Amino acid sequence: MKQSDDTVIDADWDAGDMGCGELILQLRIRINAMRAGQVLRLVARDPGAIEDLPSWCRMTGHSLKDAQHPTYLIQRRED
């Protein structure tokens, strides 16, 4: 699967309206199951995701490739 900018999407997850606490816990599990360099397309409609997801990426070392609420592209960090 490709994004319009040729980013290869390796996994999709629609988290719907899941609150950010549970969202972050589930995101950690999902991203840890991926290989380094793979990209997750996440749809998170919770309004807190706008601030929480970029912060989580900075703290964990994963790359936020794109953020256009409610869609986020997160690339798993190298181990």
PDB file of N, CA and C in Angstrom:
ATOM      1  N   MET A   1       0.830  -1.170   0.000  1.00  0.00           N
ATOM      2  CA  MET A   1       0.000   0.000   0.000  1.00  0.00           C
ATOM      3  C   MET A   1       0.885   1.248   0.000  1.00  0.00           C
ATOM      4  N   LYS A   2       0.523   2.269  -0.773  1.00  0.00           N
ATOM      5  CA  LYS A   2       1.332   3.494  -0.827  1.00  0.00           C
ATOM      6  C   LYS A   2       0.480   4.708  -0.499  1.00  0.00           C
ATOM      7  N   GLN A   3       1.119   5.682   0.107  1.00  0.00           N
ATOM      8  CA  GLN A   3       0.545   6.987   0.356  1.00  0.00           C
ATOM      9  C   GLN A   3       0.833   7.830  -0.878  1.00  0.00           C
ATOM     10  N   SER A   4       0.185   8.961  -1.034  1.00  0.00           N
ATOM     11  CA  SER A   4       0.375   9.787  -2.221  1.00  0.00           C
ATOM     12  C   SER A   4       1.821  10.267  -2.395  1.00  0.00           C
ATOM     13  N   ASP A   5       2.591  10.369  -1.308  1.00  0.00           N
ATOM     14  CA  ASP A   5       3.989  10.809  -1.415  1.00  0.00           C
ATOM     15  C   ASP A   5       4.947   9.625  -1.566  1.00  0.00           C
ATOM     16  N   ASP A   6       4.430   8.472  -1.964  1.00  0.00           N
ATOM     17  CA  ASP A   6       5.190   7.239  -2.169  1.00  0.00           C
ATOM     18  C   ASP A   6       5.658   6.576  -0.875  1.00  0.00           C
ATOM     19  N   THR A   7       5.151   7.005   0.278  1.00  0.00           N
ATOM     20  CA  THR A   7       5.447   6.311   1.527  1.00  0.00           C
ATOM     21  C   THR A   7       4.724   4.974   1.501  1.00  0.00           C
ATOM     22  N   VAL A   8       5.464   3.903   1.754  1.00  0.00           N
ATOM     23  CA  VAL A   8       4.861   2.579   1.801  1.00  0.00           C
ATOM     24  C   VAL A   8       4.224   2.388   3.175  1.00  0.00           C
ATOM     25  N   ILE A   9       2.943   2.039   3.185  1.00  0.00           N
ATOM     26  CA  ILE A   9       2.206   1.783   4.420  1.00  0.00           C
ATOM     27  C   ILE A   9       2.245   0.283   4.677  1.00  0.00           C
ATOM     28  N   ASP A  10       2.817  -0.117   5.808  1.00  0.00           N
ATOM     29  CA  ASP A  10       2.954  -1.530   6.128  1.00  0.00           C
ATOM     30  C   ASP A  10       1.799  -2.066   6.959  1.00  0.00           C
ATOM     31  N   ALA A  11       1.128  -1.184   7.712  1.00  0.00           N
ATOM     32  CA  ALA A  11       0.014  -1.610   8.553  1.00  0.00           C
ATOM     33  C   ALA A  11      -0.944  -0.445   8.729  1.00  0.00           C
ATOM     34  N   ASP A  12      -2.224  -0.772   8.886  1.00  0.00           N
ATOM     35  CA  ASP A  12      -3.280   0.216   9.119  1.00  0.00           C
ATOM     36  C   ASP A  12      -3.966  -0.098  10.433  1.00  0.00           C
ATOM     37  N   TRP A  13      -4.314   0.939  11.172  1.00  0.00           N
ATOM     38  CA  TRP A  13      -5.086   0.754  12.392  1.00  0.00           C
ATOM     39  C   TRP A  13      -6.031   1.931  12.557  1.00  0.00           C
ATOM     40  N   ASP A  14      -7.320   1.640  12.616  1.00  0.00           N
ATOM     41  CA  ASP A  14      -8.336   2.657  12.893  1.00  0.00           C
ATOM     42  C   ASP A  14      -8.699   2.528  14.366  1.00  0.00           C
ATOM     43  N   ALA A  15      -8.176   3.440  15.178  1.00  0.00           N
ATOM     44  CA  ALA A  15      -8.423   3.414  16.617  1.00  0.00           C
ATOM     45  C   ALA A  15      -9.719   4.123  16.978  1.00  0.00           C
ATOM     46  N   GLY A  16     -10.393   4.689  15.994  1.00  0.00           N
ATOM     47  CA  GLY A  16     -11.681   5.330  16.230  1.00  0.00           C
ATOM     48  C   GLY A  16     -11.583   6.440  17.261  1.00  0.00           C
ATOM     49  N   ASP A  17     -12.504   6.420  18.226  1.00  0.00           N
ATOM     50  CA  ASP A  17     -12.570   7.446  19.267  1.00  0.00           C
ATOM     51  C   ASP A  17     -11.864   7.019  20.549  1.00  0.00           C
ATOM     52  N   MET A  18     -11.017   6.001  20.481  1.00  0.00           N
ATOM     53  CA  MET A  18     -10.315   5.498  21.662  1.00  0.00           C
ATOM     54  C   MET A  18      -9.569   6.637  22.351  1.00  0.00           C
ATOM     55  N   GLY A  19      -9.705   6.729  23.659  1.00  0.00           N
ATOM     56  CA  GLY A  19      -9.019   7.761  24.433  1.00  0.00           C
ATOM     57  C   GLY A  19      -7.516   7.555  24.404  1.00  0.00           C
ATOM     58  N   CYS A  20      -6.790   8.631  24.597  1.00  0.00           N
ATOM     59  CA  CYS A  20      -5.343   8.584  24.391  1.00  0.00           C
ATOM     60  C   CYS A  20      -4.607   7.650  25.337  1.00  0.00           C
ATOM     61  N   GLY A  21      -5.082   7.449  26.553  1.00  0.00           N
ATOM     62  CA  GLY A  21      -4.409   6.511  27.455  1.00  0.00           C
ATOM     63  C   GLY A  21      -4.384   5.113  26.876  1.00  0.00           C
ATOM     64  N   GLU A  22      -5.551   4.608  26.528  1.00  0.00           N
ATOM     65  CA  GLU A  22      -5.651   3.276  25.933  1.00  0.00           C
ATOM     66  C   GLU A  22      -5.010   3.251  24.542  1.00  0.00           C
ATOM     67  N   LEU A  23      -5.167   4.329  23.799  1.00  0.00           N
ATOM     68  CA  LEU A  23      -4.597   4.430  22.461  1.00  0.00           C
ATOM     69  C   LEU A  23      -3.077   4.253  22.495  1.00  0.00           C
ATOM     70  N   ILE A  24      -2.418   4.933  23.415  1.00  0.00           N
ATOM     71  CA  ILE A  24      -0.958   4.858  23.512  1.00  0.00           C
ATOM     72  C   ILE A  24      -0.518   3.445  23.898  1.00  0.00           C
ATOM     73  N   LEU A  25      -1.244   2.805  24.815  1.00  0.00           N
ATOM     74  CA  LEU A  25      -0.896   1.435  25.201  1.00  0.00           C
ATOM     75  C   LEU A  25      -1.021   0.484  24.018  1.00  0.00           C
ATOM     76  N   GLN A  26      -2.109   0.588  23.268  1.00  0.00           N
ATOM     77  CA  GLN A  26      -2.312  -0.272  22.105  1.00  0.00           C
ATOM     78  C   GLN A  26      -1.321   0.055  20.990  1.00  0.00           C
ATOM     79  N   LEU A  27      -1.004   1.327  20.831  1.00  0.00           N
ATOM     80  CA  LEU A  27      -0.038   1.741  19.810  1.00  0.00           C
ATOM     81  C   LEU A  27       1.327   1.132  20.104  1.00  0.00           C
ATOM     82  N   ARG A  28       1.723   1.152  21.355  1.00  0.00           N
ATOM     83  CA  ARG A  28       3.013   0.558  21.740  1.00  0.00           C
ATOM     84  C   ARG A  28       3.081  -0.916  21.347  1.00  0.00           C
ATOM     85  N   ILE A  29       2.021  -1.648  21.621  1.00  0.00           N
ATOM     86  CA  ILE A  29       1.971  -3.080  21.275  1.00  0.00           C
ATOM     87  C   ILE A  29       2.065  -3.262  19.766  1.00  0.00           C
ATOM     88  N   ARG A  30       1.290  -2.484  19.035  1.00  0.00           N
ATOM     89  CA  ARG A  30       1.262  -2.617  17.569  1.00  0.00           C
ATOM     90  C   ARG A  30       2.595  -2.226  16.934  1.00  0.00           C
ATOM     91  N   ILE A  31       3.184  -1.131  17.380  1.00  0.00           N
ATOM     92  CA  ILE A  31       4.434  -0.667  16.768  1.00  0.00           C
ATOM     93  C   ILE A  31       5.580  -1.619  17.124  1.00  0.00           C
ATOM     94  N   ASN A  32       5.556  -2.184  18.329  1.00  0.00           N
ATOM     95  CA  ASN A  32       6.600  -3.135  18.725  1.00  0.00           C
ATOM     96  C   ASN A  32       6.528  -4.436  17.932  1.00  0.00           C
ATOM     97  N   ALA A  33       5.362  -4.752  17.383  1.00  0.00           N
ATOM     98  CA  ALA A  33       5.205  -5.957  16.577  1.00  0.00           C
ATOM     99  C   ALA A  33       5.715  -5.766  15.146  1.00  0.00           C
ATOM    100  N   MET A  34       6.032  -4.528  14.789  1.00  0.00           N
ATOM    101  CA  MET A  34       6.506  -4.214  13.441  1.00  0.00           C
ATOM    102  C   MET A  34       8.028  -4.247  13.385  1.00  0.00           C
ATOM    103  N   ARG A  35       8.553  -4.350  12.181  1.00  0.00           N
ATOM    104  CA  ARG A  35      10.008  -4.308  11.985  1.00  0.00           C
ATOM    105  C   ARG A  35      10.473  -2.849  11.880  1.00  0.00           C
ATOM    106  N   ALA A  36      11.735  -2.632  12.205  1.00  0.00           N
ATOM    107  CA  ALA A  36      12.320  -1.291  12.108  1.00  0.00           C
ATOM    108  C   ALA A  36      12.127  -0.737  10.699  1.00  0.00           C
ATOM    109  N   GLY A  37      11.721   0.528  10.625  1.00  0.00           N
ATOM    110  CA  GLY A  37      11.532   1.190   9.338  1.00  0.00           C
ATOM    111  C   GLY A  37      10.138   1.053   8.755  1.00  0.00           C
ATOM    112  N   GLN A  38       9.339   0.131   9.277  1.00  0.00           N
ATOM    113  CA  GLN A  38       7.983  -0.021   8.753  1.00  0.00           C
ATOM    114  C   GLN A  38       7.112   1.140   9.210  1.00  0.00           C
ATOM    115  N   VAL A  39       6.050   1.402   8.431  1.00  0.00           N
ATOM    116  CA  VAL A  39       5.171   2.547   8.679  1.00  0.00           C
ATOM    117  C   VAL A  39       3.758   2.071   9.010  1.00  0.00           C
ATOM    118  N   LEU A  40       3.216   2.637  10.081  1.00  0.00           N
ATOM    119  CA  LEU A  40       1.842   2.397  10.505  1.00  0.00           C
ATOM    120  C   LEU A  40       0.999   3.619  10.167  1.00  0.00           C
ATOM    121  N   ARG A  41      -0.122   3.390   9.481  1.00  0.00           N
ATOM    122  CA  ARG A  41      -1.090   4.477   9.286  1.00  0.00           C
ATOM    123  C   ARG A  41      -2.141   4.317  10.377  1.00  0.00           C
ATOM    124  N   LEU A  42      -2.234   5.315  11.222  1.00  0.00           N
ATOM    125  CA  LEU A  42      -3.145   5.304  12.366  1.00  0.00           C
ATOM    126  C   LEU A  42      -4.219   6.361  12.167  1.00  0.00           C
ATOM    127  N   VAL A  43      -5.465   5.974  12.370  1.00  0.00           N
ATOM    128  CA  VAL A  43      -6.570   6.930  12.392  1.00  0.00           C
ATOM    129  C   VAL A  43      -7.024   7.016  13.842  1.00  0.00           C
ATOM    130  N   ALA A  44      -6.879   8.195  14.443  1.00  0.00           N
ATOM    131  CA  ALA A  44      -7.229   8.424  15.850  1.00  0.00           C
ATOM    132  C   ALA A  44      -8.048   9.699  15.932  1.00  0.00           C
ATOM    133  N   ARG A  45      -9.329   9.547  16.227  1.00  0.00           N
ATOM    134  CA  ARG A  45     -10.240  10.698  16.233  1.00  0.00           C
ATOM    135  C   ARG A  45     -10.290  11.459  17.554  1.00  0.00           C
ATOM    136  N   ASP A  46      -9.681  10.904  18.593  1.00  0.00           N
ATOM    137  CA  ASP A  46      -9.680  11.583  19.883  1.00  0.00           C
ATOM    138  C   ASP A  46      -8.967  12.935  19.739  1.00  0.00           C
ATOM    139  N   PRO A  47      -9.570  14.026  20.218  1.00  0.00           N
ATOM    140  CA  PRO A  47      -8.938  15.338  20.056  1.00  0.00           C
ATOM    141  C   PRO A  47      -7.571  15.445  20.740  1.00  0.00           C
ATOM    142  N   GLY A  48      -7.333  14.658  21.772  1.00  0.00           N
ATOM    143  CA  GLY A  48      -6.050  14.686  22.464  1.00  0.00           C
ATOM    144  C   GLY A  48      -4.911  14.114  21.638  1.00  0.00           C
ATOM    145  N   ALA A  49      -5.240  13.342  20.602  1.00  0.00           N
ATOM    146  CA  ALA A  49      -4.214  12.725  19.756  1.00  0.00           C
ATOM    147  C   ALA A  49      -3.351  13.779  19.065  1.00  0.00           C
ATOM    148  N   ILE A  50      -3.912  14.938  18.809  1.00  0.00           N
ATOM    149  CA  ILE A  50      -3.192  16.016  18.115  1.00  0.00           C
ATOM    150  C   ILE A  50      -1.902  16.372  18.858  1.00  0.00           C
ATOM    151  N   GLU A  51      -1.947  16.378  20.181  1.00  0.00           N
ATOM    152  CA  GLU A  51      -0.754  16.680  20.976  1.00  0.00           C
ATOM    153  C   GLU A  51      -0.061  15.421  21.467  1.00  0.00           C
ATOM    154  N   ASP A  52      -0.839  14.392  21.813  1.00  0.00           N
ATOM    155  CA  ASP A  52      -0.260  13.196  22.437  1.00  0.00           C
ATOM    156  C   ASP A  52       0.590  12.362  21.491  1.00  0.00           C
ATOM    157  N   LEU A  53       0.164  12.183  20.253  1.00  0.00           N
ATOM    158  CA  LEU A  53       0.920  11.319  19.341  1.00  0.00           C
ATOM    159  C   LEU A  53       2.284  11.908  18.957  1.00  0.00           C
ATOM    160  N   PRO A  54       2.382  13.188  18.609  1.00  0.00           N
ATOM    161  CA  PRO A  54       3.717  13.746  18.353  1.00  0.00           C
ATOM    162  C   PRO A  54       4.629  13.650  19.583  1.00  0.00           C
ATOM    163  N   SER A  55       4.084  13.889  20.766  1.00  0.00           N
ATOM    164  CA  SER A  55       4.881  13.793  21.997  1.00  0.00           C
ATOM    165  C   SER A  55       5.357  12.369  22.216  1.00  0.00           C
ATOM    166  N   TRP A  56       4.480  11.397  22.015  1.00  0.00           N
ATOM    167  CA  TRP A  56       4.840   9.990  22.188  1.00  0.00           C
ATOM    168  C   TRP A  56       5.958   9.605  21.222  1.00  0.00           C
ATOM    169  N   CYS A  57       5.853  10.054  19.989  1.00  0.00           N
ATOM    170  CA  CYS A  57       6.895   9.746  19.005  1.00  0.00           C
ATOM    171  C   CYS A  57       8.233  10.337  19.426  1.00  0.00           C
ATOM    172  N   ARG A  58       8.234  11.576  19.899  1.00  0.00           N
ATOM    173  CA  ARG A  58       9.483  12.200  20.351  1.00  0.00           C
ATOM    174  C   ARG A  58      10.085  11.430  21.525  1.00  0.00           C
ATOM    175  N   MET A  59       9.256  11.008  22.471  1.00  0.00           N
ATOM    176  CA  MET A  59       9.749  10.310  23.662  1.00  0.00           C
ATOM    177  C   MET A  59      10.240   8.902  23.356  1.00  0.00           C
ATOM    178  N   THR A  60       9.673   8.245  22.357  1.00  0.00           N
ATOM    179  CA  THR A  60      10.020   6.850  22.071  1.00  0.00           C
ATOM    180  C   THR A  60      11.015   6.696  20.935  1.00  0.00           C
ATOM    181  N   GLY A  61      11.251   7.763  20.186  1.00  0.00           N
ATOM    182  CA  GLY A  61      12.211   7.704  19.091  1.00  0.00           C
ATOM    183  C   GLY A  61      11.630   7.264  17.762  1.00  0.00           C
ATOM    184  N   HIS A  62      10.315   7.038  17.701  1.00  0.00           N
ATOM    185  CA  HIS A  62       9.672   6.706  16.432  1.00  0.00           C
ATOM    186  C   HIS A  62       9.463   7.996  15.643  1.00  0.00           C
ATOM    187  N   SER A  63       9.393   7.892  14.319  1.00  0.00           N
ATOM    188  CA  SER A  63       9.254   9.077  13.467  1.00  0.00           C
ATOM    189  C   SER A  63       7.801   9.309  13.097  1.00  0.00           C
ATOM    190  N   LEU A  64       7.333  10.511  13.327  1.00  0.00           N
ATOM    191  CA  LEU A  64       6.013  10.914  12.874  1.00  0.00           C
ATOM    192  C   LEU A  64       6.193  11.462  11.464  1.00  0.00           C
ATOM    193  N   LYS A  65       5.881  10.647  10.458  1.00  0.00           N
ATOM    194  CA  LYS A  65       6.114  11.005   9.058  1.00  0.00           C
ATOM    195  C   LYS A  65       5.096  12.021   8.555  1.00  0.00           C
ATOM    196  N   ASP A  66       3.870  11.938   9.081  1.00  0.00           N
ATOM    197  CA  ASP A  66       2.812  12.852   8.653  1.00  0.00           C
ATOM    198  C   ASP A  66       1.748  12.884   9.737  1.00  0.00           C
ATOM    199  N   ALA A  67       1.175  14.048   9.959  1.00  0.00           N
ATOM    200  CA  ALA A  67       0.119  14.209  10.952  1.00  0.00           C
ATOM    201  C   ALA A  67      -0.910  15.182  10.419  1.00  0.00           C
ATOM    202  N   GLN A  68      -2.022  14.643   9.951  1.00  0.00           N
ATOM    203  CA  GLN A  68      -3.149  15.449   9.499  1.00  0.00           C
ATOM    204  C   GLN A  68      -4.374  14.844  10.159  1.00  0.00           C
ATOM    205  N   HIS A  69      -4.645  15.330  11.371  1.00  0.00           N
ATOM    206  CA  HIS A  69      -5.714  14.756  12.196  1.00  0.00           C
ATOM    207  C   HIS A  69      -6.954  14.489  11.360  1.00  0.00           C
ATOM    208  N   PRO A  70      -7.465  13.269  11.401  1.00  0.00           N
ATOM    209  CA  PRO A  70      -7.207  12.190  12.349  1.00  0.00           C
ATOM    210  C   PRO A  70      -6.221  11.125  11.862  1.00  0.00           C
ATOM    211  N   THR A  71      -5.477  11.390  10.785  1.00  0.00           N
ATOM    212  CA  THR A  71      -4.581  10.369  10.223  1.00  0.00           C
ATOM    213  C   THR A  71      -3.131  10.700  10.528  1.00  0.00           C
ATOM    214  N   TYR A  72      -2.414   9.684  11.016  1.00  0.00           N
ATOM    215  CA  TYR A  72      -1.009   9.833  11.410  1.00  0.00           C
ATOM    216  C   TYR A  72      -0.198   8.701  10.780  1.00  0.00           C
ATOM    217  N   LEU A  73       0.973   9.022  10.268  1.00  0.00           N
ATOM    218  CA  LEU A  73       1.900   8.002   9.753  1.00  0.00           C
ATOM    219  C   LEU A  73       3.088   7.955  10.701  1.00  0.00           C
ATOM    220  N   ILE A  74       3.305   6.779  11.288  1.00  0.00           N
ATOM    221  CA  ILE A  74       4.368   6.605  12.273  1.00  0.00           C
ATOM    222  C   ILE A  74       5.320   5.524  11.774  1.00  0.00           C
ATOM    223  N   GLN A  75       6.591   5.875  11.693  1.00  0.00           N
ATOM    224  CA  GLN A  75       7.604   4.922  11.258  1.00  0.00           C
ATOM    225  C   GLN A  75       8.353   4.385  12.473  1.00  0.00           C
ATOM    226  N   ARG A  76       8.409   3.040  12.549  1.00  0.00           N
ATOM    227  CA  ARG A  76       9.077   2.409  13.687  1.00  0.00           C
ATOM    228  C   ARG A  76      10.572   2.723  13.649  1.00  0.00           C
ATOM    229  N   ARG A  77      11.102   3.023  14.814  1.00  0.00           N
ATOM    230  CA  ARG A  77      12.529   3.366  14.924  1.00  0.00           C
ATOM    231  C   ARG A  77      13.411   2.148  14.691  1.00  0.00           C
ATOM    232  N   GLU A  78      14.666   2.431  14.395  1.00  0.00           N
ATOM    233  CA  GLU A  78      15.678   1.374  14.298  1.00  0.00           C
ATOM    234  C   GLU A  78      15.984   0.925  15.723  1.00  0.00           C
ATOM    235  N   ASP A  79      16.233  -0.357  15.891  1.00  0.00           N
ATOM    236  CA  ASP A  79      16.548  -0.874  17.239  1.00  0.00           C
ATOM    237  C   ASP A  79      17.983  -0.666  17.611  1.00  0.00           C
TER     238      ASP A  79
END
